[in-house]
Amino acid sequence: MGTTQLESVPEPKYWHLKTVLTEALDSEFSVGEILPNERDLAARFGVARATLRQALEQLELEGRLQRRRGVGTTVAPPRMGVSVGSEQHAWPGGPDDAWHAVDCRLEVPPAALAEPLVTGGDEAVHIVRRSRVSRGQPVASELLYIPAASVPDLSGIDAPSGAARARAVLRELQRLELERQENAVELGSAGADEAKELDRLPGAPVLVVTTRYIARGRTAALSAATYRADTCRLTFGDSGGVEIHHGPERQAS
């Protein structure tokens, strides 16, 4: 590869470098290919390594690159098309639900969730953990908090733990008549456990979607779903639903 020098431009140097790198990704690299090391890239484009890192971090945030443990920086696949809301409200675990149950445990929820769940400070709830995968890649993890009052008939179910117990809790929850659900979205950073589940580095940007499921005039369940910000793009329709769409398709050669 030849050496490409950057022209003097009014915009930040790393931002112009990001544009140049994007063109190189489209024309020279394929999805999953490992980029050259920082020293070689900095030499090619005639920039300091600090400038290069800023450009690479921006491309990672935009979903064009992925940093993988023990591998390096690779070209990311197109963003995933994942729906986290729709015009028709539905309980989690229904026939069209793309989430996969992982396990279920009975524990006291974090103090911040006790109030919206209308539980006492020391009252245990069912905590269902689920994951979401698209094209073989983890894109989201979820903790679903369900008060015991929402699923009172679990005593006769012979599934003490694991995915079977999680599915049983969700089946019982669907016996209630769902009145409505409320979504909220905020930007966050992945903690150690979330990063491990999502195959990301700790501190990576994530989108946290909180959903309250209302039945009988109270919160029957509360979902906290964490989505990889590099794979998901959220849009809001007239219905108030939240959907994650593909970004523009990219052709890599």
Protein backbone atom coordinates (compact mmCIF):
# COMPACT_ATOMS: atom_id res chain seq x y z
CA MET A 1 0.00 0.00 0.00
CA GLY A 2 1.23 3.48 -0.78
CA THR A 3 1.43 6.42 1.59
CA THR A 4 -1.55 8.80 1.61
CA GLN A 5 -0.93 12.28 3.08
CA LEU A 6 -3.87 14.29 4.39
CA GLU A 7 -4.49 17.74 2.99
CA SER A 8 -4.97 20.74 5.27
CA VAL A 9 -8.67 20.98 6.10
CA PRO A 10 -10.66 23.16 8.53
CA GLU A 11 -12.33 20.18 10.23
CA PRO A 12 -10.50 18.20 12.97
CA LYS A 13 -7.76 16.07 11.53
CA TYR A 14 -9.12 12.85 13.05
CA TRP A 15 -12.53 13.54 11.48
CA HIS A 16 -11.04 13.93 8.02
CA LEU A 17 -9.00 10.78 8.66
CA LYS A 18 -12.22 8.95 9.53
CA THR A 19 -13.61 9.84 6.09
CA VAL A 20 -10.43 8.60 4.39
CA LEU A 21 -10.49 5.38 6.44
CA THR A 22 -14.15 4.81 5.54
CA GLU A 23 -13.29 4.97 1.85
CA ALA A 24 -10.45 2.51 2.42
CA LEU A 25 -12.78 0.12 4.28
CA ASP A 26 -15.23 0.17 1.38
CA SER A 27 -12.63 -0.39 -1.33
CA GLU A 28 -9.86 -2.47 0.22
CA PHE A 29 -11.24 -4.57 3.09
CA SER A 30 -13.92 -7.21 3.51
CA VAL A 31 -16.20 -7.86 6.48
CA GLY A 32 -14.29 -9.58 9.28
CA GLU A 33 -10.86 -8.69 7.90
CA ILE A 34 -8.27 -7.57 10.46
CA LEU A 35 -6.85 -4.07 9.96
CA PRO A 36 -3.09 -3.43 9.99
CA ASN A 37 -1.64 -2.39 13.34
CA GLU A 38 -1.78 1.24 14.50
CA ARG A 39 1.86 1.92 13.69
CA ASP A 40 1.45 0.87 10.06
CA LEU A 41 -1.84 2.73 9.64
CA ALA A 42 -0.42 5.92 11.16
CA ALA A 43 2.55 5.74 8.81
CA ARG A 44 0.35 5.16 5.78
CA PHE A 45 -1.83 8.20 6.44
CA GLY A 46 0.92 10.42 7.84
CA VAL A 47 -0.73 11.09 11.19
CA ALA A 48 0.13 10.68 14.85
CA ARG A 49 -1.11 7.50 16.51
CA ALA A 50 -3.27 9.60 18.86
CA THR A 51 -5.10 11.04 15.83
CA LEU A 52 -5.50 7.57 14.36
CA ARG A 53 -6.97 6.24 17.60
CA GLN A 54 -9.57 9.02 17.64
CA ALA A 55 -10.64 8.13 14.10
CA LEU A 56 -10.76 4.41 14.88
CA GLU A 57 -12.82 5.02 18.01
CA GLN A 58 -15.32 7.08 15.99
CA LEU A 59 -15.62 4.35 13.37
CA GLU A 60 -16.19 1.79 16.11
CA LEU A 61 -18.91 3.97 17.63
CA GLU A 62 -20.58 4.20 14.20
CA GLY A 63 -20.48 0.43 13.80
CA ARG A 64 -17.91 0.24 11.00
CA LEU A 65 -15.19 -1.42 13.11
CA GLN A 66 -15.09 -3.90 15.98
CA ARG A 67 -12.36 -4.44 18.56
CA ARG A 68 -12.19 -8.13 19.41
CA ARG A 69 -10.30 -9.62 22.33
CA GLY A 70 -7.20 -11.47 21.21
CA VAL A 71 -7.86 -10.64 17.54
CA GLY A 72 -7.53 -6.90 16.97
CA THR A 73 -9.62 -4.38 15.03
CA THR A 74 -11.82 -5.93 12.34
CA VAL A 75 -14.28 -4.63 9.74
CA ALA A 76 -17.80 -4.93 11.16
CA PRO A 77 -20.79 -6.42 9.30
CA PRO A 78 -23.79 -4.19 8.46
CA ARG A 79 -25.97 -3.12 11.38
CA MET A 80 -28.61 -5.60 12.47
CA GLY A 81 -32.33 -5.20 11.86
CA VAL A 82 -33.78 -5.85 15.32
CA SER A 83 -37.21 -4.78 16.56
CA VAL A 84 -37.61 -3.89 20.23
CA GLY A 85 -41.13 -2.51 19.96
CA SER A 86 -44.14 -2.56 17.68
CA GLU A 87 -47.59 -1.06 17.27
CA GLN A 88 -49.08 -4.17 18.88
CA HIS A 89 -48.00 -4.42 22.50
CA ALA A 90 -47.26 -7.94 23.67
CA TRP A 91 -45.88 -9.74 26.68
CA PRO A 92 -42.28 -10.96 26.46
CA GLY A 93 -41.97 -14.63 25.53
CA GLY A 94 -44.76 -14.65 22.94
CA PRO A 95 -44.61 -16.63 19.67
CA ASP A 96 -42.99 -13.75 17.72
CA ASP A 97 -40.45 -12.92 20.43
CA ALA A 98 -36.84 -13.15 19.18
CA TRP A 99 -35.32 -13.31 22.66
CA HIS A 100 -33.85 -16.54 24.08
CA ALA A 101 -34.37 -17.45 27.73
CA VAL A 102 -31.12 -18.13 29.60
CA ASP A 103 -32.04 -18.53 33.26
CA CYS A 104 -34.29 -17.36 36.08
CA ARG A 105 -33.61 -16.66 39.73
CA LEU A 106 -35.59 -15.36 42.70
CA GLU A 107 -33.80 -12.37 44.21
CA VAL A 108 -34.37 -8.94 45.72
CA PRO A 109 -34.15 -6.40 42.85
CA PRO A 110 -31.87 -3.34 42.93
CA ALA A 111 -33.22 -0.60 45.20
CA ALA A 112 -33.84 1.71 42.22
CA LEU A 113 -36.34 -0.81 40.78
CA ALA A 114 -38.28 -1.56 43.97
CA GLU A 115 -40.47 1.54 43.61
CA PRO A 116 -41.59 1.06 39.96
CA LEU A 117 -42.16 -2.65 40.70
CA VAL A 118 -44.26 -1.71 43.75
CA THR A 119 -42.45 -4.18 45.97
CA GLY A 120 -41.06 -3.88 49.44
CA GLY A 121 -37.37 -3.18 49.83
CA ASP A 122 -36.64 -6.80 50.79
CA GLU A 123 -39.22 -8.58 48.60
CA ALA A 124 -37.73 -11.00 46.08
CA VAL A 125 -38.90 -11.02 42.45
CA HIS A 126 -38.37 -13.38 39.52
CA ILE A 127 -35.39 -12.16 37.48
CA VAL A 128 -35.39 -13.67 33.99
CA ARG A 129 -32.20 -13.28 31.97
CA ARG A 130 -32.51 -13.42 28.19
CA SER A 131 -30.25 -12.87 25.19
CA ARG A 132 -30.76 -11.83 21.61
CA VAL A 133 -28.64 -12.98 18.68
CA SER A 134 -28.71 -11.87 15.04
CA ARG A 135 -26.64 -13.47 12.27
CA GLY A 136 -24.78 -15.46 14.88
CA GLN A 137 -23.73 -12.31 16.76
CA PRO A 138 -24.94 -11.26 20.24
CA VAL A 139 -26.74 -7.92 19.92
CA ALA A 140 -28.55 -7.54 23.25
CA SER A 141 -28.97 -8.87 26.77
CA GLU A 142 -31.97 -8.39 29.03
CA LEU A 143 -32.96 -8.65 32.67
CA LEU A 144 -36.71 -8.97 33.14
CA TYR A 145 -38.02 -8.30 36.67
CA ILE A 146 -41.38 -9.92 37.48
CA PRO A 147 -43.02 -9.57 40.93
CA ALA A 148 -44.38 -12.78 42.44
CA ALA A 149 -47.88 -11.24 42.41
CA SER A 150 -47.80 -11.21 38.59
CA VAL A 151 -47.26 -14.98 38.40
CA PRO A 152 -49.03 -16.46 41.46
CA ASP A 153 -49.48 -20.00 40.06
CA LEU A 154 -45.83 -21.01 39.71
CA SER A 155 -45.79 -23.34 42.73
CA GLY A 156 -46.97 -26.33 40.68
CA ILE A 157 -44.34 -25.93 37.97
CA ASP A 158 -41.52 -28.45 38.15
CA ALA A 159 -38.74 -26.24 36.79
CA PRO A 160 -36.68 -24.92 39.71
CA SER A 161 -34.10 -22.99 37.66
CA GLY A 162 -32.49 -22.40 34.29
CA ALA A 163 -34.07 -21.68 30.92
CA ALA A 164 -37.05 -23.96 31.60
CA ARG A 165 -37.95 -21.98 34.71
CA ALA A 166 -37.57 -18.71 32.77
CA ARG A 167 -39.96 -19.91 30.07
CA ALA A 168 -42.46 -21.08 32.70
CA VAL A 169 -42.44 -17.66 34.37
CA LEU A 170 -43.05 -15.95 31.03
CA ARG A 171 -45.94 -18.32 30.20
CA GLU A 172 -47.60 -17.50 33.50
CA LEU A 173 -47.09 -13.78 32.92
CA GLN A 174 -49.01 -14.03 29.65
CA ARG A 175 -52.14 -15.05 31.55
CA LEU A 176 -52.56 -11.40 32.56
CA GLU A 177 -54.28 -8.93 30.25
CA LEU A 178 -51.68 -6.42 29.10
CA GLU A 179 -53.01 -2.87 29.23
CA ARG A 180 -50.03 -1.02 27.79
CA GLN A 181 -46.26 -0.81 27.79
CA GLU A 182 -43.97 2.18 28.16
CA ASN A 183 -40.47 2.44 26.63
CA ALA A 184 -37.54 4.66 27.58
CA VAL A 185 -34.11 4.74 25.93
CA GLU A 186 -30.79 6.09 27.15
CA LEU A 187 -27.14 5.84 26.17
CA GLY A 188 -24.85 4.00 28.56
CA SER A 189 -21.61 2.06 28.75
CA ALA A 190 -21.20 -1.68 29.15
CA GLY A 191 -20.23 -3.01 32.56
CA ALA A 192 -18.04 -6.08 32.94
CA ASP A 193 -20.91 -8.60 32.88
CA GLU A 194 -22.73 -6.90 29.99
CA ALA A 195 -19.53 -6.60 27.99
CA LYS A 196 -18.86 -10.32 28.38
CA GLU A 197 -22.38 -11.25 27.25
CA LEU A 198 -22.25 -8.89 24.25
CA ASP A 199 -18.68 -9.77 23.24
CA ARG A 200 -17.57 -6.18 23.76
CA LEU A 201 -14.90 -4.43 25.80
CA PRO A 202 -15.94 -2.93 29.18
CA GLY A 203 -17.00 0.69 28.69
CA ALA A 204 -18.22 0.13 25.12
CA PRO A 205 -21.27 2.28 24.21
CA VAL A 206 -24.64 0.59 24.64
CA LEU A 207 -28.30 1.55 24.31
CA VAL A 208 -30.40 0.73 27.36
CA VAL A 209 -34.11 0.23 26.62
CA THR A 210 -36.34 0.09 29.70
CA THR A 211 -39.88 -1.24 29.23
CA ARG A 212 -42.67 -1.21 31.81
CA TYR A 213 -45.51 -3.69 31.23
CA ILE A 214 -48.73 -2.46 32.81
CA ALA A 215 -51.58 -4.78 33.85
CA ARG A 216 -54.37 -4.26 36.37
CA GLY A 217 -53.20 -0.68 36.79
CA ARG A 218 -49.72 -1.59 38.07
CA THR A 219 -46.29 -2.60 36.81
CA ALA A 220 -46.57 -6.33 36.14
CA ALA A 221 -43.02 -6.61 34.75
CA LEU A 222 -40.04 -4.39 34.09
CA SER A 223 -37.47 -5.05 31.37
CA ALA A 224 -33.96 -3.58 31.17
CA ALA A 225 -32.50 -4.52 27.78
CA THR A 226 -28.95 -3.54 26.79
CA TYR A 227 -28.20 -3.28 23.06
CA ARG A 228 -24.82 -2.95 21.38
CA ALA A 229 -24.68 0.61 20.09
CA ASP A 230 -22.39 -0.41 17.23
CA THR A 231 -24.93 -2.85 15.78
CA CYS A 232 -28.25 -1.10 16.43
CA ARG A 233 -30.00 2.05 15.26
CA LEU A 234 -33.24 3.05 16.96
CA THR A 235 -36.09 4.98 15.34
CA PHE A 236 -39.43 6.05 16.79
CA GLY A 237 -42.63 5.79 14.73
CA ASP A 238 -45.98 7.49 15.18
CA SER A 239 -47.13 4.56 17.28
CA GLY A 240 -44.45 5.21 19.88
CA GLY A 241 -42.89 1.85 19.12
CA VAL A 242 -39.14 1.51 18.99
CA GLU A 243 -37.46 -0.32 16.16
CA ILE A 244 -33.87 -1.00 15.20
CA HIS A 245 -33.23 -0.96 11.47
CA HIS A 246 -30.37 -1.91 9.19
CA GLY A 247 -27.97 0.84 8.26
CA PRO A 248 -27.17 1.25 4.57
CA GLU A 249 -25.96 -2.01 3.08
CA ARG A 250 -22.23 -1.98 2.42
CA GLN A 251 -20.48 -3.82 -0.39
CA ALA A 252 -17.00 -4.90 0.65
CA SER A 253 -14.52 -6.15 -1.89
